Amino acid sequence: MKRLIIATALLAILAAPAMAQRKPYSVMNEEEKANYKASEAVDKQYRNALDRTRKDGAEAPVDPWANLRATRSTDSAKKKN
């Protein structure tokens, strides 16, 4: 029983410095809160910009080689002759 108490005390002594370094997660000072809000605003703007570019790109597909290719109607007419 004496060994158990001594072992528990030693573990508590060794664990105390590690627990003292830990910061509670819910505590944020004013500067950290401001930084968090600013980063959230930047992230929101970034997501909105991505959504706009995705919508714009899906509406009008562009074929830069369209004027250099023969049309399908002339290709099919050549194959029939």
N, C-alpha and C. Protein backbone atom coordinates (compact mmCIF):
# COMPACT_ATOMS: atom_id res chain seq x y z
N MET A 1 0.82 -1.19 0.00
CA MET A 1 0.00 0.00 0.00
C MET A 1 0.87 1.25 0.00
N LYS A 2 1.96 1.18 0.73
CA LYS A 2 2.87 2.30 0.83
C LYS A 2 3.49 2.59 -0.54
N ARG A 3 3.82 1.55 -1.29
CA ARG A 3 4.42 1.72 -2.62
C ARG A 3 3.42 2.36 -3.60
N LEU A 4 2.18 2.00 -3.47
CA LEU A 4 1.14 2.57 -4.34
C LEU A 4 0.99 4.07 -4.10
N ILE A 5 1.00 4.47 -2.87
CA ILE A 5 0.88 5.89 -2.53
C ILE A 5 2.09 6.66 -3.02
N ILE A 6 3.27 6.09 -2.86
CA ILE A 6 4.50 6.75 -3.31
C ILE A 6 4.50 6.85 -4.84
N ALA A 7 4.09 5.80 -5.53
CA ALA A 7 4.06 5.82 -7.00
C ALA A 7 3.06 6.86 -7.49
N THR A 8 1.92 6.95 -6.87
CA THR A 8 0.91 7.94 -7.26
C THR A 8 1.43 9.35 -7.03
N ALA A 9 2.11 9.57 -5.93
CA ALA A 9 2.66 10.90 -5.64
C ALA A 9 3.74 11.27 -6.66
N LEU A 10 4.59 10.32 -7.02
CA LEU A 10 5.63 10.59 -8.01
C LEU A 10 5.02 10.91 -9.38
N LEU A 11 4.00 10.18 -9.76
CA LEU A 11 3.34 10.48 -11.04
C LEU A 11 2.69 11.86 -11.02
N ALA A 12 2.11 12.23 -9.92
CA ALA A 12 1.50 13.56 -9.80
C ALA A 12 2.56 14.65 -9.89
N ILE A 13 3.70 14.42 -9.27
CA ILE A 13 4.79 15.41 -9.31
C ILE A 13 5.33 15.54 -10.72
N LEU A 14 5.46 14.43 -11.43
CA LEU A 14 5.99 14.47 -12.80
C LEU A 14 4.97 15.06 -13.78
N ALA A 15 3.71 14.87 -13.54
CA ALA A 15 2.68 15.35 -14.46
C ALA A 15 2.35 16.82 -14.23
N ALA A 16 2.67 17.37 -13.10
CA ALA A 16 2.31 18.75 -12.78
C ALA A 16 2.93 19.77 -13.75
N PRO A 17 4.22 19.68 -14.11
CA PRO A 17 4.76 20.67 -15.05
C PRO A 17 4.11 20.58 -16.44
N ALA A 18 3.78 19.38 -16.86
CA ALA A 18 3.15 19.24 -18.17
C ALA A 18 1.75 19.85 -18.16
N MET A 19 1.03 19.70 -17.10
CA MET A 19 -0.31 20.28 -17.00
C MET A 19 -0.25 21.80 -16.86
N ALA A 20 0.82 22.31 -16.29
CA ALA A 20 0.94 23.75 -16.12
C ALA A 20 1.18 24.45 -17.45
N GLN A 21 1.76 23.75 -18.43
CA GLN A 21 2.02 24.35 -19.73
C GLN A 21 0.79 24.40 -20.61
N ARG A 22 -0.21 23.63 -20.30
CA ARG A 22 -1.42 23.57 -21.10
C ARG A 22 -2.27 24.81 -20.90
N LYS A 23 -2.76 25.33 -21.99
CA LYS A 23 -3.63 26.49 -21.96
C LYS A 23 -5.06 26.04 -22.15
N PRO A 24 -5.98 26.60 -21.44
CA PRO A 24 -7.38 26.25 -21.70
C PRO A 24 -7.78 26.72 -23.10
N TYR A 25 -8.55 25.91 -23.79
CA TYR A 25 -8.91 26.23 -25.17
C TYR A 25 -9.93 27.35 -25.28
N SER A 26 -10.72 27.55 -24.27
CA SER A 26 -11.77 28.55 -24.36
C SER A 26 -11.28 29.97 -24.10
N VAL A 27 -10.08 30.13 -23.62
CA VAL A 27 -9.58 31.45 -23.29
C VAL A 27 -8.87 32.05 -24.50
N MET A 28 -9.41 33.18 -24.99
CA MET A 28 -8.79 33.92 -26.08
C MET A 28 -8.73 35.38 -25.67
N ASN A 29 -7.56 35.97 -25.87
CA ASN A 29 -7.49 37.39 -25.56
C ASN A 29 -8.07 38.19 -26.73
N GLU A 30 -8.13 39.49 -26.59
CA GLU A 30 -8.78 40.34 -27.59
C GLU A 30 -8.06 40.30 -28.93
N GLU A 31 -6.75 40.24 -28.90
CA GLU A 31 -5.98 40.20 -30.14
C GLU A 31 -6.27 38.91 -30.92
N GLU A 32 -6.31 37.79 -30.20
CA GLU A 32 -6.60 36.51 -30.85
C GLU A 32 -8.01 36.49 -31.43
N LYS A 33 -8.96 37.09 -30.73
CA LYS A 33 -10.33 37.17 -31.23
C LYS A 33 -10.39 37.99 -32.51
N ALA A 34 -9.68 39.11 -32.53
CA ALA A 34 -9.66 39.97 -33.72
C ALA A 34 -9.02 39.24 -34.90
N ASN A 35 -7.92 38.54 -34.64
CA ASN A 35 -7.26 37.78 -35.70
C ASN A 35 -8.17 36.68 -36.23
N TYR A 36 -8.90 36.04 -35.35
CA TYR A 36 -9.81 34.97 -35.75
C TYR A 36 -10.94 35.51 -36.63
N LYS A 37 -11.50 36.65 -36.23
CA LYS A 37 -12.57 37.25 -37.03
C LYS A 37 -12.06 37.70 -38.39
N ALA A 38 -10.86 38.26 -38.43
CA ALA A 38 -10.28 38.70 -39.69
C ALA A 38 -10.01 37.52 -40.62
N SER A 39 -9.50 36.44 -40.07
CA SER A 39 -9.23 35.27 -40.90
C SER A 39 -10.51 34.63 -41.40
N GLU A 40 -11.56 34.66 -40.59
CA GLU A 40 -12.86 34.14 -41.03
C GLU A 40 -13.41 34.97 -42.18
N ALA A 41 -13.24 36.29 -42.11
CA ALA A 41 -13.72 37.17 -43.17
C ALA A 41 -12.96 36.91 -44.47
N VAL A 42 -11.66 36.72 -44.37
CA VAL A 42 -10.85 36.43 -45.55
C VAL A 42 -11.25 35.08 -46.15
N ASP A 43 -11.48 34.08 -45.33
CA ASP A 43 -11.91 32.78 -45.81
C ASP A 43 -13.25 32.85 -46.52
N LYS A 44 -14.17 33.65 -45.98
CA LYS A 44 -15.48 33.79 -46.58
C LYS A 44 -15.37 34.46 -47.96
N GLN A 45 -14.53 35.49 -48.06
CA GLN A 45 -14.32 36.15 -49.34
C GLN A 45 -13.70 35.18 -50.35
N TYR A 46 -12.77 34.36 -49.90
CA TYR A 46 -12.12 33.39 -50.78
C TYR A 46 -13.13 32.36 -51.30
N ARG A 47 -13.97 31.85 -50.42
CA ARG A 47 -14.99 30.87 -50.85
C ARG A 47 -15.98 31.50 -51.82
N ASN A 48 -16.36 32.75 -51.58
CA ASN A 48 -17.27 33.44 -52.50
C ASN A 48 -16.63 33.63 -53.87
N ALA A 49 -15.36 33.97 -53.90
CA ALA A 49 -14.65 34.14 -55.17
C ALA A 49 -14.57 32.82 -55.92
N LEU A 50 -14.32 31.73 -55.21
CA LEU A 50 -14.27 30.42 -55.85
C LEU A 50 -15.64 30.05 -56.43
N ASP A 51 -16.69 30.32 -55.69
CA ASP A 51 -18.03 30.01 -56.19
C ASP A 51 -18.36 30.81 -57.44
N ARG A 52 -17.97 32.08 -57.46
CA ARG A 52 -18.23 32.90 -58.65
C ARG A 52 -17.48 32.38 -59.86
N THR A 53 -16.21 31.98 -59.69
CA THR A 53 -15.44 31.50 -60.83
C THR A 53 -15.96 30.15 -61.31
N ARG A 54 -16.43 29.32 -60.43
CA ARG A 54 -16.99 28.03 -60.85
C ARG A 54 -18.26 28.24 -61.64
N LYS A 55 -19.11 29.15 -61.20
CA LYS A 55 -20.36 29.40 -61.91
C LYS A 55 -20.10 30.01 -63.28
N ASP A 56 -19.17 30.96 -63.38
CA ASP A 56 -18.89 31.61 -64.65
C ASP A 56 -18.27 30.63 -65.64
N GLY A 57 -17.39 29.77 -65.17
CA GLY A 57 -16.72 28.82 -66.06
C GLY A 57 -17.65 27.75 -66.58
N ALA A 58 -18.66 27.37 -65.84
CA ALA A 58 -19.57 26.30 -66.24
C ALA A 58 -20.58 26.79 -67.28
N GLU A 59 -20.85 28.06 -67.34
CA GLU A 59 -21.88 28.57 -68.24
C GLU A 59 -21.42 28.60 -69.70
N ALA A 60 -20.20 29.01 -69.97
CA ALA A 60 -19.77 29.19 -71.34
C ALA A 60 -18.46 28.45 -71.60
N PRO A 61 -18.53 27.20 -72.08
CA PRO A 61 -17.30 26.51 -72.42
C PRO A 61 -16.67 27.15 -73.67
N VAL A 62 -15.40 27.29 -73.66
CA VAL A 62 -14.70 27.97 -74.75
C VAL A 62 -13.87 26.96 -75.52
N ASP A 63 -13.99 27.00 -76.85
CA ASP A 63 -13.20 26.14 -77.71
C ASP A 63 -12.31 27.02 -78.57
N PRO A 64 -11.05 27.21 -78.20
CA PRO A 64 -10.19 28.13 -78.94
C PRO A 64 -9.85 27.62 -80.34
N TRP A 65 -10.02 26.34 -80.62
CA TRP A 65 -9.68 25.79 -81.92
C TRP A 65 -10.90 25.65 -82.82
N ALA A 66 -12.02 26.20 -82.43
CA ALA A 66 -13.26 26.02 -83.19
C ALA A 66 -13.15 26.57 -84.61
N ASN A 67 -12.50 27.69 -84.80
CA ASN A 67 -12.42 28.27 -86.14
C ASN A 67 -11.40 27.56 -87.02
N LEU A 68 -10.56 26.71 -86.48
CA LEU A 68 -9.58 25.98 -87.29
C LEU A 68 -10.06 24.60 -87.69
N ARG A 69 -11.07 24.08 -87.05
CA ARG A 69 -11.61 22.76 -87.37
C ARG A 69 -12.66 22.87 -88.44
N ALA A 70 -12.79 21.79 -89.21
CA ALA A 70 -13.87 21.73 -90.19
C ALA A 70 -15.15 21.39 -89.44
N THR A 71 -16.26 21.83 -89.94
CA THR A 71 -17.53 21.52 -89.29
C THR A 71 -17.89 20.07 -89.51
N ARG A 72 -18.73 19.54 -88.70
CA ARG A 72 -19.12 18.14 -88.81
C ARG A 72 -19.93 17.86 -90.08
N SER A 73 -20.70 18.82 -90.50
CA SER A 73 -21.52 18.60 -91.70
C SER A 73 -20.64 18.40 -92.93
N THR A 74 -19.54 19.11 -93.06
CA THR A 74 -18.66 18.92 -94.23
C THR A 74 -17.89 17.62 -94.11
N ASP A 75 -17.53 17.21 -92.89
CA ASP A 75 -16.83 15.94 -92.72
C ASP A 75 -17.73 14.76 -93.09
N SER A 76 -18.98 14.80 -92.70
CA SER A 76 -19.90 13.71 -93.01
C SER A 76 -20.23 13.70 -94.49
N ALA A 77 -20.28 14.86 -95.14
CA ALA A 77 -20.55 14.92 -96.57
C ALA A 77 -19.38 14.33 -97.36
N LYS A 78 -18.16 14.54 -96.93
CA LYS A 78 -16.99 13.99 -97.61
C LYS A 78 -16.95 12.48 -97.50
N LYS A 79 -17.36 11.96 -96.34
CA LYS A 79 -17.34 10.52 -96.15
C LYS A 79 -18.39 9.82 -97.02
N LYS A 80 -19.51 10.47 -97.26
CA LYS A 80 -20.56 9.86 -98.09
C LYS A 80 -20.15 9.79 -99.55
N ASN A 81 -19.35 10.73 -100.05
CA ASN A 81 -18.94 10.75 -101.46
C ASN A 81 -17.88 9.79 -101.70
